[in-house]
PDB file of N, CA and C in Angstrom:
ATOM      1  N   MET A   1       0.817  -1.192   0.000  1.00  0.00           N
ATOM      2  CA  MET A   1       0.000   0.000   0.000  1.00  0.00           C
ATOM      3  C   MET A   1       0.861   1.256   0.000  1.00  0.00           C
ATOM      4  N   THR A   2       1.889   1.291   0.840  1.00  0.00           N
ATOM      5  CA  THR A   2       2.761   2.454   0.916  1.00  0.00           C
ATOM      6  C   THR A   2       3.476   2.686  -0.412  1.00  0.00           C
ATOM      7  N   VAL A   3       3.959   1.606  -1.017  1.00  0.00           N
ATOM      8  CA  VAL A   3       4.698   1.743  -2.269  1.00  0.00           C
ATOM      9  C   VAL A   3       3.766   2.253  -3.374  1.00  0.00           C
ATOM     10  N   SER A   4       2.530   1.843  -3.363  1.00  0.00           N
ATOM     11  CA  SER A   4       1.569   2.321  -4.350  1.00  0.00           C
ATOM     12  C   SER A   4       1.331   3.823  -4.203  1.00  0.00           C
ATOM     13  N   ILE A   5       1.179   4.266  -2.971  1.00  0.00           N
ATOM     14  CA  ILE A   5       0.961   5.691  -2.723  1.00  0.00           C
ATOM     15  C   ILE A   5       2.196   6.498  -3.108  1.00  0.00           C
ATOM     16  N   VAL A   6       3.381   5.989  -2.746  1.00  0.00           N
ATOM     17  CA  VAL A   6       4.631   6.670  -3.101  1.00  0.00           C
ATOM     18  C   VAL A   6       4.784   6.734  -4.616  1.00  0.00           C
ATOM     19  N   HIS A   7       4.435   5.653  -5.305  1.00  0.00           N
ATOM     20  CA  HIS A   7       4.541   5.617  -6.764  1.00  0.00           C
ATOM     21  C   HIS A   7       3.651   6.688  -7.406  1.00  0.00           C
ATOM     22  N   ARG A   8       2.427   6.781  -6.939  1.00  0.00           N
ATOM     23  CA  ARG A   8       1.509   7.783  -7.497  1.00  0.00           C
ATOM     24  C   ARG A   8       1.957   9.201  -7.172  1.00  0.00           C
ATOM     25  N   ALA A   9       2.406   9.417  -5.932  1.00  0.00           N
ATOM     26  CA  ALA A   9       2.878  10.747  -5.538  1.00  0.00           C
ATOM     27  C   ALA A   9       4.102  11.152  -6.353  1.00  0.00           C
ATOM     28  N   CYS A  10       5.003  10.209  -6.594  1.00  0.00           N
ATOM     29  CA  CYS A  10       6.188  10.508  -7.400  1.00  0.00           C
ATOM     30  C   CYS A  10       5.805  10.839  -8.843  1.00  0.00           C
ATOM     31  N   GLY A  11       4.863  10.108  -9.385  1.00  0.00           N
ATOM     32  CA  GLY A  11       4.409  10.395 -10.744  1.00  0.00           C
ATOM     33  C   GLY A  11       3.773  11.768 -10.853  1.00  0.00           C
ATOM     34  N   ILE A  12       2.967  12.116  -9.868  1.00  0.00           N
ATOM     35  CA  ILE A  12       2.326  13.433  -9.866  1.00  0.00           C
ATOM     36  C   ILE A  12       3.375  14.530  -9.713  1.00  0.00           C
ATOM     37  N   ALA A  13       4.356  14.312  -8.835  1.00  0.00           N
ATOM     38  CA  ALA A  13       5.408  15.311  -8.634  1.00  0.00           C
ATOM     39  C   ALA A  13       6.225  15.504  -9.907  1.00  0.00           C
ATOM     40  N   MET A  14       6.578  14.414 -10.570  1.00  0.00           N
ATOM     41  CA  MET A  14       7.355  14.549 -11.804  1.00  0.00           C
ATOM     42  C   MET A  14       6.547  15.235 -12.886  1.00  0.00           C
ATOM     43  N   ALA A  15       5.257  14.929 -12.957  1.00  0.00           N
ATOM     44  CA  ALA A  15       4.429  15.521 -14.001  1.00  0.00           C
ATOM     45  C   ALA A  15       4.185  17.008 -13.765  1.00  0.00           C
ATOM     46  N   THR A  16       3.897  17.399 -12.542  1.00  0.00           N
ATOM     47  CA  THR A  16       3.552  18.797 -12.290  1.00  0.00           C
ATOM     48  C   THR A  16       4.782  19.672 -12.098  1.00  0.00           C
ATOM     49  N   VAL A  17       5.612  19.325 -11.129  1.00  0.00           N
ATOM     50  CA  VAL A  17       6.801  20.145 -10.840  1.00  0.00           C
ATOM     51  C   VAL A  17       7.774  20.073 -12.009  1.00  0.00           C
ATOM     52  N   GLY A  18       7.999  18.886 -12.526  1.00  0.00           N
ATOM     53  CA  GLY A  18       8.919  18.728 -13.643  1.00  0.00           C
ATOM     54  C   GLY A  18       8.468  19.499 -14.875  1.00  0.00           C
ATOM     55  N   ALA A  19       7.181  19.424 -15.182  1.00  0.00           N
ATOM     56  CA  ALA A  19       6.669  20.166 -16.335  1.00  0.00           C
ATOM     57  C   ALA A  19       6.752  21.666 -16.119  1.00  0.00           C
ATOM     58  N   ALA A  20       6.482  22.122 -14.900  1.00  0.00           N
ATOM     59  CA  ALA A  20       6.549  23.561 -14.614  1.00  0.00           C
ATOM     60  C   ALA A  20       7.976  24.081 -14.733  1.00  0.00           C
ATOM     61  N   VAL A  21       8.950  23.368 -14.173  1.00  0.00           N
ATOM     62  CA  VAL A  21      10.343  23.818 -14.250  1.00  0.00           C
ATOM     63  C   VAL A  21      10.846  23.718 -15.682  1.00  0.00           C
ATOM     64  N   PHE A  22      10.481  22.677 -16.388  1.00  0.00           N
ATOM     65  CA  PHE A  22      10.887  22.537 -17.784  1.00  0.00           C
ATOM     66  C   PHE A  22      10.304  23.662 -18.639  1.00  0.00           C
ATOM     67  N   THR A  23       9.043  23.994 -18.416  1.00  0.00           N
ATOM     68  CA  THR A  23       8.421  25.092 -19.148  1.00  0.00           C
ATOM     69  C   THR A  23       9.091  26.418 -18.817  1.00  0.00           C
ATOM     70  N   TRP A  24       9.397  26.630 -17.547  1.00  0.00           N
ATOM     71  CA  TRP A  24      10.100  27.849 -17.129  1.00  0.00           C
ATOM     72  C   TRP A  24      11.456  27.937 -17.812  1.00  0.00           C
ATOM     73  N   TRP A  25      12.183  26.809 -17.851  1.00  0.00           N
ATOM     74  CA  TRP A  25      13.492  26.772 -18.501  1.00  0.00           C
ATOM     75  C   TRP A  25      13.379  27.121 -19.992  1.00  0.00           C
ATOM     76  N   LEU A  26      12.403  26.509 -20.684  1.00  0.00           N
ATOM     77  CA  LEU A  26      12.225  26.797 -22.101  1.00  0.00           C
ATOM     78  C   LEU A  26      11.843  28.262 -22.329  1.00  0.00           C
ATOM     79  N   ALA A  27      10.958  28.788 -21.500  1.00  0.00           N
ATOM     80  CA  ALA A  27      10.562  30.188 -21.631  1.00  0.00           C
ATOM     81  C   ALA A  27      11.742  31.114 -21.365  1.00  0.00           C
ATOM     82  N   ALA A  28      12.580  30.773 -20.396  1.00  0.00           N
ATOM     83  CA  ALA A  28      13.761  31.587 -20.102  1.00  0.00           C
ATOM     84  C   ALA A  28      14.741  31.549 -21.268  1.00  0.00           C
ATOM     85  N   LEU A  29      14.894  30.395 -21.887  1.00  0.00           N
ATOM     86  CA  LEU A  29      15.765  30.290 -23.064  1.00  0.00           C
ATOM     87  C   LEU A  29      15.241  31.152 -24.204  1.00  0.00           C
ATOM     88  N   ALA A  30      13.940  31.105 -24.408  1.00  0.00           N
ATOM     89  CA  ALA A  30      13.342  31.862 -25.508  1.00  0.00           C
ATOM     90  C   ALA A  30      13.336  33.360 -25.241  1.00  0.00           C
ATOM     91  N   ALA A  31      13.280  33.760 -23.981  1.00  0.00           N
ATOM     92  CA  ALA A  31      13.184  35.183 -23.637  1.00  0.00           C
ATOM     93  C   ALA A  31      14.518  35.911 -23.726  1.00  0.00           C
ATOM     94  N   GLY A  32      15.615  35.182 -23.707  1.00  0.00           N
ATOM     95  CA  GLY A  32      16.905  35.837 -23.860  1.00  0.00           C
ATOM     96  C   GLY A  32      17.830  35.617 -22.686  1.00  0.00           C
ATOM     97  N   PRO A  33      19.041  36.172 -22.792  1.00  0.00           N
ATOM     98  CA  PRO A  33      20.074  35.936 -21.781  1.00  0.00           C
ATOM     99  C   PRO A  33      19.704  36.426 -20.384  1.00  0.00           C
ATOM    100  N   GLU A  34      18.988  37.539 -20.288  1.00  0.00           N
ATOM    101  CA  GLU A  34      18.640  38.066 -18.961  1.00  0.00           C
ATOM    102  C   GLU A  34      17.677  37.133 -18.241  1.00  0.00           C
ATOM    103  N   ALA A  35      16.672  36.664 -18.957  1.00  0.00           N
ATOM    104  CA  ALA A  35      15.693  35.754 -18.352  1.00  0.00           C
ATOM    105  C   ALA A  35      16.347  34.425 -17.978  1.00  0.00           C
ATOM    106  N   TYR A  36      17.261  33.955 -18.827  1.00  0.00           N
ATOM    107  CA  TYR A  36      17.945  32.709 -18.522  1.00  0.00           C
ATOM    108  C   TYR A  36      18.863  32.872 -17.309  1.00  0.00           C
ATOM    109  N   ALA A  37      19.462  34.040 -17.177  1.00  0.00           N
ATOM    110  CA  ALA A  37      20.308  34.318 -16.010  1.00  0.00           C
ATOM    111  C   ALA A  37      19.480  34.298 -14.732  1.00  0.00           C
ATOM    112  N   VAL A  38      18.256  34.814 -14.786  1.00  0.00           N
ATOM    113  CA  VAL A  38      17.369  34.773 -13.623  1.00  0.00           C
ATOM    114  C   VAL A  38      17.048  33.315 -13.268  1.00  0.00           C
ATOM    115  N   PHE A  39      16.761  32.509 -14.281  1.00  0.00           N
ATOM    116  CA  PHE A  39      16.489  31.085 -14.051  1.00  0.00           C
ATOM    117  C   PHE A  39      17.687  30.420 -13.378  1.00  0.00           C
ATOM    118  N   LEU A  40      18.884  30.661 -13.910  1.00  0.00           N
ATOM    119  CA  LEU A  40      20.079  30.057 -13.333  1.00  0.00           C
ATOM    120  C   LEU A  40      20.344  30.552 -11.923  1.00  0.00           C
ATOM    121  N   ASP A  41      20.045  31.825 -11.655  1.00  0.00           N
ATOM    122  CA  ASP A  41      20.285  32.386 -10.321  1.00  0.00           C
ATOM    123  C   ASP A  41      19.451  31.699  -9.245  1.00  0.00           C
ATOM    124  N   VAL A  42      18.318  31.157  -9.625  1.00  0.00           N
ATOM    125  CA  VAL A  42      17.469  30.478  -8.645  1.00  0.00           C
ATOM    126  C   VAL A  42      18.123  29.175  -8.176  1.00  0.00           C
ATOM    127  N   PHE A  43      18.811  28.487  -9.075  1.00  0.00           N
ATOM    128  CA  PHE A  43      19.337  27.162  -8.765  1.00  0.00           C
ATOM    129  C   PHE A  43      20.846  27.108  -8.547  1.00  0.00           C
ATOM    130  N   THR A  44      21.586  28.142  -8.963  1.00  0.00           N
ATOM    131  CA  THR A  44      23.037  28.088  -8.876  1.00  0.00           C
ATOM    132  C   THR A  44      23.608  29.342  -8.222  1.00  0.00           C
ATOM    133  N   THR A  45      24.871  29.233  -7.825  1.00  0.00           N
ATOM    134  CA  THR A  45      25.591  30.394  -7.296  1.00  0.00           C
ATOM    135  C   THR A  45      26.281  31.106  -8.459  1.00  0.00           C
ATOM    136  N   SER A  46      26.979  32.171  -8.150  1.00  0.00           N
ATOM    137  CA  SER A  46      27.667  32.919  -9.200  1.00  0.00           C
ATOM    138  C   SER A  46      28.824  32.123  -9.815  1.00  0.00           C
ATOM    139  N   THR A  47      29.313  31.117  -9.109  1.00  0.00           N
ATOM    140  CA  THR A  47      30.396  30.282  -9.641  1.00  0.00           C
ATOM    141  C   THR A  47      29.883  29.118 -10.483  1.00  0.00           C
ATOM    142  N   GLY A  48      28.574  28.982 -10.590  1.00  0.00           N
ATOM    143  CA  GLY A  48      28.000  27.906 -11.393  1.00  0.00           C
ATOM    144  C   GLY A  48      27.700  26.643 -10.617  1.00  0.00           C
ATOM    145  N   ARG A  49      27.974  26.626  -9.331  1.00  0.00           N
ATOM    146  CA  ARG A  49      27.651  25.455  -8.502  1.00  0.00           C
ATOM    147  C   ARG A  49      26.219  25.584  -7.981  1.00  0.00           C
ATOM    148  N   LEU A  50      25.663  24.452  -7.597  1.00  0.00           N
ATOM    149  CA  LEU A  50      24.290  24.458  -7.080  1.00  0.00           C
ATOM    150  C   LEU A  50      24.222  25.174  -5.742  1.00  0.00           C
ATOM    151  N   ASN A  51      23.184  25.985  -5.569  1.00  0.00           N
ATOM    152  CA  ASN A  51      22.917  26.581  -4.258  1.00  0.00           C
ATOM    153  C   ASN A  51      21.977  25.652  -3.504  1.00  0.00           C
ATOM    154  N   ILE A  52      21.485  26.078  -2.359  1.00  0.00           N
ATOM    155  CA  ILE A  52      20.637  25.196  -1.537  1.00  0.00           C
ATOM    156  C   ILE A  52      19.349  24.807  -2.267  1.00  0.00           C
ATOM    157  N   ILE A  53      18.766  25.738  -3.005  1.00  0.00           N
ATOM    158  CA  ILE A  53      17.548  25.416  -3.763  1.00  0.00           C
ATOM    159  C   ILE A  53      17.880  24.423  -4.876  1.00  0.00           C
ATOM    160  N   GLY A  54      18.993  24.630  -5.526  1.00  0.00           N
ATOM    161  CA  GLY A  54      19.417  23.708  -6.577  1.00  0.00           C
ATOM    162  C   GLY A  54      19.665  22.306  -6.046  1.00  0.00           C
ATOM    163  N   TRP A  55      20.320  22.218  -4.883  1.00  0.00           N
ATOM    164  CA  TRP A  55      20.561  20.911  -4.269  1.00  0.00           C
ATOM    165  C   TRP A  55      19.250  20.240  -3.869  1.00  0.00           C
ATOM    166  N   LEU A  56      18.369  20.997  -3.226  1.00  0.00           N
ATOM    167  CA  LEU A  56      17.081  20.414  -2.800  1.00  0.00           C
ATOM    168  C   LEU A  56      16.277  19.936  -3.998  1.00  0.00           C
ATOM    169  N   PHE A  57      16.223  20.768  -5.031  1.00  0.00           N
ATOM    170  CA  PHE A  57      15.469  20.371  -6.219  1.00  0.00           C
ATOM    171  C   PHE A  57      16.133  19.184  -6.913  1.00  0.00           C
ATOM    172  N   GLY A  58      17.451  19.246  -7.089  1.00  0.00           N
ATOM    173  CA  GLY A  58      18.156  18.180  -7.798  1.00  0.00           C
ATOM    174  C   GLY A  58      18.078  16.840  -7.085  1.00  0.00           C
ATOM    175  N   VAL A  59      18.380  16.850  -5.804  1.00  0.00           N
ATOM    176  CA  VAL A  59      18.339  15.597  -5.040  1.00  0.00           C
ATOM    177  C   VAL A  59      16.895  15.111  -4.902  1.00  0.00           C
ATOM    178  N   GLY A  60      15.996  16.028  -4.606  1.00  0.00           N
ATOM    179  CA  GLY A  60      14.590  15.642  -4.453  1.00  0.00           C
ATOM    180  C   GLY A  60      13.991  15.084  -5.733  1.00  0.00           C
ATOM    181  N   PHE A  61      14.267  15.750  -6.844  1.00  0.00           N
ATOM    182  CA  PHE A  61      13.697  15.294  -8.110  1.00  0.00           C
ATOM    183  C   PHE A  61      14.313  13.972  -8.552  1.00  0.00           C
ATOM    184  N   SER A  62      15.621  13.789  -8.307  1.00  0.00           N
ATOM    185  CA  SER A  62      16.225  12.512  -8.676  1.00  0.00           C
ATOM    186  C   SER A  62      15.731  11.387  -7.759  1.00  0.00           C
ATOM    187  N   LEU A  63      15.478  11.682  -6.477  1.00  0.00           N
ATOM    188  CA  LEU A  63      14.895  10.677  -5.583  1.00  0.00           C
ATOM    189  C   LEU A  63      13.516  10.262  -6.081  1.00  0.00           C
ATOM    190  N   VAL A  64      12.708  11.234  -6.437  1.00  0.00           N
ATOM    191  CA  VAL A  64      11.369  10.943  -6.962  1.00  0.00           C
ATOM    192  C   VAL A  64      11.485  10.098  -8.231  1.00  0.00           C
ATOM    193  N   PHE A  65      12.419  10.450  -9.106  1.00  0.00           N
ATOM    194  CA  PHE A  65      12.605   9.698 -10.343  1.00  0.00           C
ATOM    195  C   PHE A  65      13.002   8.250 -10.062  1.00  0.00           C
ATOM    196  N   PHE A  66      13.999   8.046  -9.191  1.00  0.00           N
ATOM    197  CA  PHE A  66      14.467   6.684  -8.928  1.00  0.00           C
ATOM    198  C   PHE A  66      13.425   5.839  -8.203  1.00  0.00           C
ATOM    199  N   LEU A  67      12.660   6.440  -7.304  1.00  0.00           N
ATOM    200  CA  LEU A  67      11.575   5.689  -6.663  1.00  0.00           C
ATOM    201  C   LEU A  67      10.528   5.274  -7.687  1.00  0.00           C
ATOM    202  N   HIS A  68      10.138   6.205  -8.537  1.00  0.00           N
ATOM    203  CA  HIS A  68       9.119   5.917  -9.541  1.00  0.00           C
ATOM    204  C   HIS A  68       9.624   4.870 -10.538  1.00  0.00           C
ATOM    205  N   MET A  69      10.875   4.994 -10.962  1.00  0.00           N
ATOM    206  CA  MET A  69      11.447   4.040 -11.910  1.00  0.00           C
ATOM    207  C   MET A  69      11.552   2.644 -11.291  1.00  0.00           C
ATOM    208  N   SER A  70      12.013   2.566 -10.046  1.00  0.00           N
ATOM    209  CA  SER A  70      12.152   1.268  -9.384  1.00  0.00           C
ATOM    210  C   SER A  70      10.805   0.571  -9.263  1.00  0.00           C
ATOM    211  N   ASN A  71       9.792   1.321  -8.878  1.00  0.00           N
ATOM    212  CA  ASN A  71       8.475   0.710  -8.746  1.00  0.00           C
ATOM    213  C   ASN A  71       7.884   0.375 -10.113  1.00  0.00           C
ATOM    214  N   GLY A  72       8.221   1.154 -11.125  1.00  0.00           N
ATOM    215  CA  GLY A  72       7.778   0.825 -12.477  1.00  0.00           C
ATOM    216  C   GLY A  72       8.371  -0.497 -12.946  1.00  0.00           C
ATOM    217  N   ILE A  73       9.633  -0.724 -12.637  1.00  0.00           N
ATOM    218  CA  ILE A  73      10.274  -2.000 -12.985  1.00  0.00           C
ATOM    219  C   ILE A  73       9.622  -3.129 -12.206  1.00  0.00           C
ATOM    220  N   ARG A  74       9.310  -2.874 -10.952  1.00  0.00           N
ATOM    221  CA  ARG A  74       8.623  -3.878 -10.123  1.00  0.00           C
ATOM    222  C   ARG A  74       7.274  -4.249 -10.744  1.00  0.00           C
ATOM    223  N   HIS A  75       6.533  -3.252 -11.202  1.00  0.00           N
ATOM    224  CA  HIS A  75       5.240  -3.523 -11.830  1.00  0.00           C
ATOM    225  C   HIS A  75       5.398  -4.216 -13.179  1.00  0.00           C
ATOM    226  N   LEU A  76       6.475  -3.905 -13.887  1.00  0.00           N
ATOM    227  CA  LEU A  76       6.727  -4.590 -15.153  1.00  0.00           C
ATOM    228  C   LEU A  76       6.926  -6.084 -14.924  1.00  0.00           C
ATOM    229  N   VAL A  77       7.652  -6.421 -13.867  1.00  0.00           N
ATOM    230  CA  VAL A  77       7.839  -7.836 -13.517  1.00  0.00           C
ATOM    231  C   VAL A  77       6.499  -8.453 -13.124  1.00  0.00           C
ATOM    232  N   MET A  78       5.691  -7.707 -12.377  1.00  0.00           N
ATOM    233  CA  MET A  78       4.388  -8.232 -11.966  1.00  0.00           C
ATOM    234  C   MET A  78       3.456  -8.411 -13.166  1.00  0.00           C
ATOM    235  N   ASP A  79       3.625  -7.605 -14.195  1.00  0.00           N
ATOM    236  CA  ASP A  79       2.802  -7.751 -15.395  1.00  0.00           C
ATOM    237  C   ASP A  79       3.084  -9.047 -16.140  1.00  0.00           C
ATOM    238  N   THR A  80       4.234  -9.644 -15.890  1.00  0.00           N
ATOM    239  CA  THR A  80       4.536 -10.935 -16.512  1.00  0.00           C
ATOM    240  C   THR A  80       3.866 -12.086 -15.775  1.00  0.00           C
ATOM    241  N   GLY A  81       3.237 -11.785 -14.641  1.00  0.00           N
ATOM    242  CA  GLY A  81       2.561 -12.814 -13.863  1.00  0.00           C
ATOM    243  C   GLY A  81       3.387 -13.304 -12.686  1.00  0.00           C
ATOM    244  N   ALA A  82       4.539 -12.716 -12.482  1.00  0.00           N
ATOM    245  CA  ALA A  82       5.420 -13.128 -11.387  1.00  0.00           C
ATOM    246  C   ALA A  82       5.237 -12.201 -10.194  1.00  0.00           C
ATOM    247  N   ASN A  83       5.713 -12.651  -9.061  1.00  0.00           N
ATOM    248  CA  ASN A  83       5.815 -11.839  -7.842  1.00  0.00           C
ATOM    249  C   ASN A  83       4.469 -11.482  -7.220  1.00  0.00           C
ATOM    250  N   TYR A  84       3.494 -12.374  -7.315  1.00  0.00           N
ATOM    251  CA  TYR A  84       2.216 -12.113  -6.661  1.00  0.00           C
ATOM    252  C   TYR A  84       2.121 -12.777  -5.288  1.00  0.00           C
ATOM    253  N   GLU A  85       3.135 -13.571  -4.932  1.00  0.00           N
ATOM    254  CA  GLU A  85       3.135 -14.174  -3.605  1.00  0.00           C
ATOM    255  C   GLU A  85       3.405 -13.072  -2.586  1.00  0.00           C
ATOM    256  N   LEU A  86       2.824 -13.185  -1.416  1.00  0.00           N
ATOM    257  CA  LEU A  86       2.928 -12.134  -0.409  1.00  0.00           C
ATOM    258  C   LEU A  86       4.375 -11.865   0.002  1.00  0.00           C
ATOM    259  N   ARG A  87       5.147 -12.910   0.219  1.00  0.00           N
ATOM    260  CA  ARG A  87       6.534 -12.736   0.648  1.00  0.00           C
ATOM    261  C   ARG A  87       7.363 -12.018  -0.425  1.00  0.00           C
ATOM    262  N   GLY A  88       7.256 -12.447  -1.658  1.00  0.00           N
ATOM    263  CA  GLY A  88       8.006 -11.820  -2.745  1.00  0.00           C
ATOM    264  C   GLY A  88       7.563 -10.393  -3.001  1.00  0.00           C
ATOM    265  N   ASN A  89       6.259 -10.168  -2.890  1.00  0.00           N
ATOM    266  CA  ASN A  89       5.729  -8.827  -3.108  1.00  0.00           C
ATOM    267  C   ASN A  89       6.229  -7.858  -2.042  1.00  0.00           C
ATOM    268  N   LYS A  90       6.239  -8.288  -0.790  1.00  0.00           N
ATOM    269  CA  LYS A  90       6.762  -7.437   0.289  1.00  0.00           C
ATOM    270  C   LYS A  90       8.252  -7.192   0.117  1.00  0.00           C
ATOM    271  N   ARG A  91       8.973  -8.203  -0.312  1.00  0.00           N
ATOM    272  CA  ARG A  91      10.417  -8.061  -0.511  1.00  0.00           C
ATOM    273  C   ARG A  91      10.719  -7.033  -1.597  1.00  0.00           C
ATOM    274  N   THR A  92      10.016  -7.109  -2.712  1.00  0.00           N
ATOM    275  CA  THR A  92      10.283  -6.144  -3.786  1.00  0.00           C
ATOM    276  C   THR A  92       9.792  -4.743  -3.413  1.00  0.00           C
ATOM    277  N   SER A  93       8.751  -4.666  -2.586  1.00  0.00           N
ATOM    278  CA  SER A  93       8.317  -3.350  -2.101  1.00  0.00           C
ATOM    279  C   SER A  93       9.403  -2.699  -1.260  1.00  0.00           C
ATOM    280  N   LEU A  94      10.025  -3.476  -0.387  1.00  0.00           N
ATOM    281  CA  LEU A  94      11.133  -2.957   0.419  1.00  0.00           C
ATOM    282  C   LEU A  94      12.333  -2.616  -0.459  1.00  0.00           C
ATOM    283  N   MET A  95      12.560  -3.407  -1.493  1.00  0.00           N
ATOM    284  CA  MET A  95      13.654  -3.107  -2.409  1.00  0.00           C
ATOM    285  C   MET A  95      13.437  -1.757  -3.089  1.00  0.00           C
ATOM    286  N   VAL A  96      12.202  -1.444  -3.433  1.00  0.00           N
ATOM    287  CA  VAL A  96      11.892  -0.151  -4.048  1.00  0.00           C
ATOM    288  C   VAL A  96      12.156   0.978  -3.057  1.00  0.00           C
ATOM    289  N   LEU A  97      11.674   0.822  -1.830  1.00  0.00           N
ATOM    290  CA  LEU A  97      11.814   1.881  -0.830  1.00  0.00           C
ATOM    291  C   LEU A  97      13.267   2.077  -0.388  1.00  0.00           C
ATOM    292  N   ILE A  98      14.076   1.038  -0.463  1.00  0.00           N
ATOM    293  CA  ILE A  98      15.492   1.165  -0.133  1.00  0.00           C
ATOM    294  C   ILE A  98      16.301   1.517  -1.386  1.00  0.00           C
ATOM    295  N   GLY A  99      15.935   0.936  -2.506  1.00  0.00           N
ATOM    296  CA  GLY A  99      16.682   1.142  -3.747  1.00  0.00           C
ATOM    297  C   GLY A  99      16.621   2.562  -4.274  1.00  0.00           C
ATOM    298  N   GLY A 100      15.484   3.221  -4.135  1.00  0.00           N
ATOM    299  CA  GLY A 100      15.365   4.600  -4.614  1.00  0.00           C
ATOM    300  C   GLY A 100      16.361   5.538  -3.953  1.00  0.00           C
ATOM    301  N   PRO A 101      16.407   5.577  -2.623  1.00  0.00           N
ATOM    302  CA  PRO A 101      17.413   6.430  -1.970  1.00  0.00           C
ATOM    303  C   PRO A 101      18.858   6.002  -2.246  1.00  0.00           C
ATOM    304  N   VAL A 102      19.097   4.692  -2.342  1.00  0.00           N
ATOM    305  CA  VAL A 102      20.461   4.226  -2.620  1.00  0.00           C
ATOM    306  C   VAL A 102      20.888   4.659  -4.021  1.00  0.00           C
ATOM    307  N   LEU A 103      20.018   4.498  -5.006  1.00  0.00           N
ATOM    308  CA  LEU A 103      20.340   4.934  -6.365  1.00  0.00           C
ATOM    309  C   LEU A 103      20.548   6.443  -6.423  1.00  0.00           C
ATOM    310  N   THR A 104      19.753   7.191  -5.668  1.00  0.00           N
ATOM    311  CA  THR A 104      19.925   8.642  -5.618  1.00  0.00           C
ATOM    312  C   THR A 104      21.274   9.001  -5.031  1.00  0.00           C
ATOM    313  N   LEU A 105      21.641   8.337  -3.948  1.00  0.00           N
ATOM    314  CA  LEU A 105      22.933   8.597  -3.320  1.00  0.00           C
ATOM    315  C   LEU A 105      24.083   8.276  -4.276  1.00  0.00           C
ATOM    316  N   LEU A 106      24.013   7.136  -4.942  1.00  0.00           N
ATOM    317  CA  LEU A 106      25.064   6.763  -5.896  1.00  0.00           C
ATOM    318  C   LEU A 106      25.135   7.753  -7.049  1.00  0.00           C
ATOM    319  N   TYR A 107      24.003   8.190  -7.535  1.00  0.00           N
ATOM    320  CA  TYR A 107      23.944   9.159  -8.638  1.00  0.00           C
ATOM    321  C   TYR A 107      24.617  10.468  -8.239  1.00  0.00           C
ATOM    322  N   TRP A 108      24.284  10.990  -7.061  1.00  0.00           N
ATOM    323  CA  TRP A 108      24.861  12.261  -6.634  1.00  0.00           C
ATOM    324  C   TRP A 108      26.317  12.125  -6.225  1.00  0.00           C
ATOM    325  N   LEU A 109      26.709  10.990  -5.699  1.00  0.00           N
ATOM    326  CA  LEU A 109      28.134  10.762  -5.435  1.00  0.00           C
ATOM    327  C   LEU A 109      28.921  10.778  -6.743  1.00  0.00           C
ATOM    328  N   TYR A 110      28.370  10.162  -7.765  1.00  0.00           N
ATOM    329  CA  TYR A 110      29.011  10.179  -9.073  1.00  0.00           C
ATOM    330  C   TYR A 110      29.128  11.607  -9.601  1.00  0.00           C
ATOM    331  N   ILE A 111      28.073  12.387  -9.488  1.00  0.00           N
ATOM    332  CA  ILE A 111      28.100  13.770  -9.973  1.00  0.00           C
ATOM    333  C   ILE A 111      29.141  14.588  -9.214  1.00  0.00           C
ATOM    334  N   VAL A 112      29.164  14.459  -7.907  1.00  0.00           N
ATOM    335  CA  VAL A 112      30.082  15.256  -7.099  1.00  0.00           C
ATOM    336  C   VAL A 112      31.533  14.818  -7.301  1.00  0.00           C
ATOM    337  N   VAL A 113      31.777  13.509  -7.352  1.00  0.00           N
ATOM    338  CA  VAL A 113      33.142  12.997  -7.507  1.00  0.00           C
ATOM    339  C   VAL A 113      33.651  13.264  -8.921  1.00  0.00           C
ATOM    340  N   ALA A 114      32.813  13.104  -9.925  1.00  0.00           N
ATOM    341  CA  ALA A 114      33.228  13.313 -11.314  1.00  0.00           C
ATOM    342  C   ALA A 114      33.566  14.783 -11.567  1.00  0.00           C
ATOM    343  N   ARG A 115      33.002  15.667 -10.807  1.00  0.00           N
ATOM    344  CA  ARG A 115      33.256  17.098 -10.971  1.00  0.00           C
ATOM    345  C   ARG A 115      34.576  17.391 -10.372  1.00  0.00           C
TER     346      ARG A 115
END
């Protein structure tokens, strides 16, 4: 039940927040350098690194993405007719709830170390 609610909430967050930020980014690009600079100022510092809002948005959005993707893969396996036993279903639900944050951590460690 929890994983289902998290999956739906993540999908809604990606659809609404992601679409709004993407639209803002496209509009800033189309409006010119000044508008794009305002967009960048919200998420980055003057040196080009992420500020606190950029970190919160980046980590939060990638967490939402990895949770949603992990549960989508879980449902893809269930669509084949597998994993309907209670024990296996609970195990994969826990894998989703643990795997999403772990994948997010690995992703951001890669970004920070590669930089």
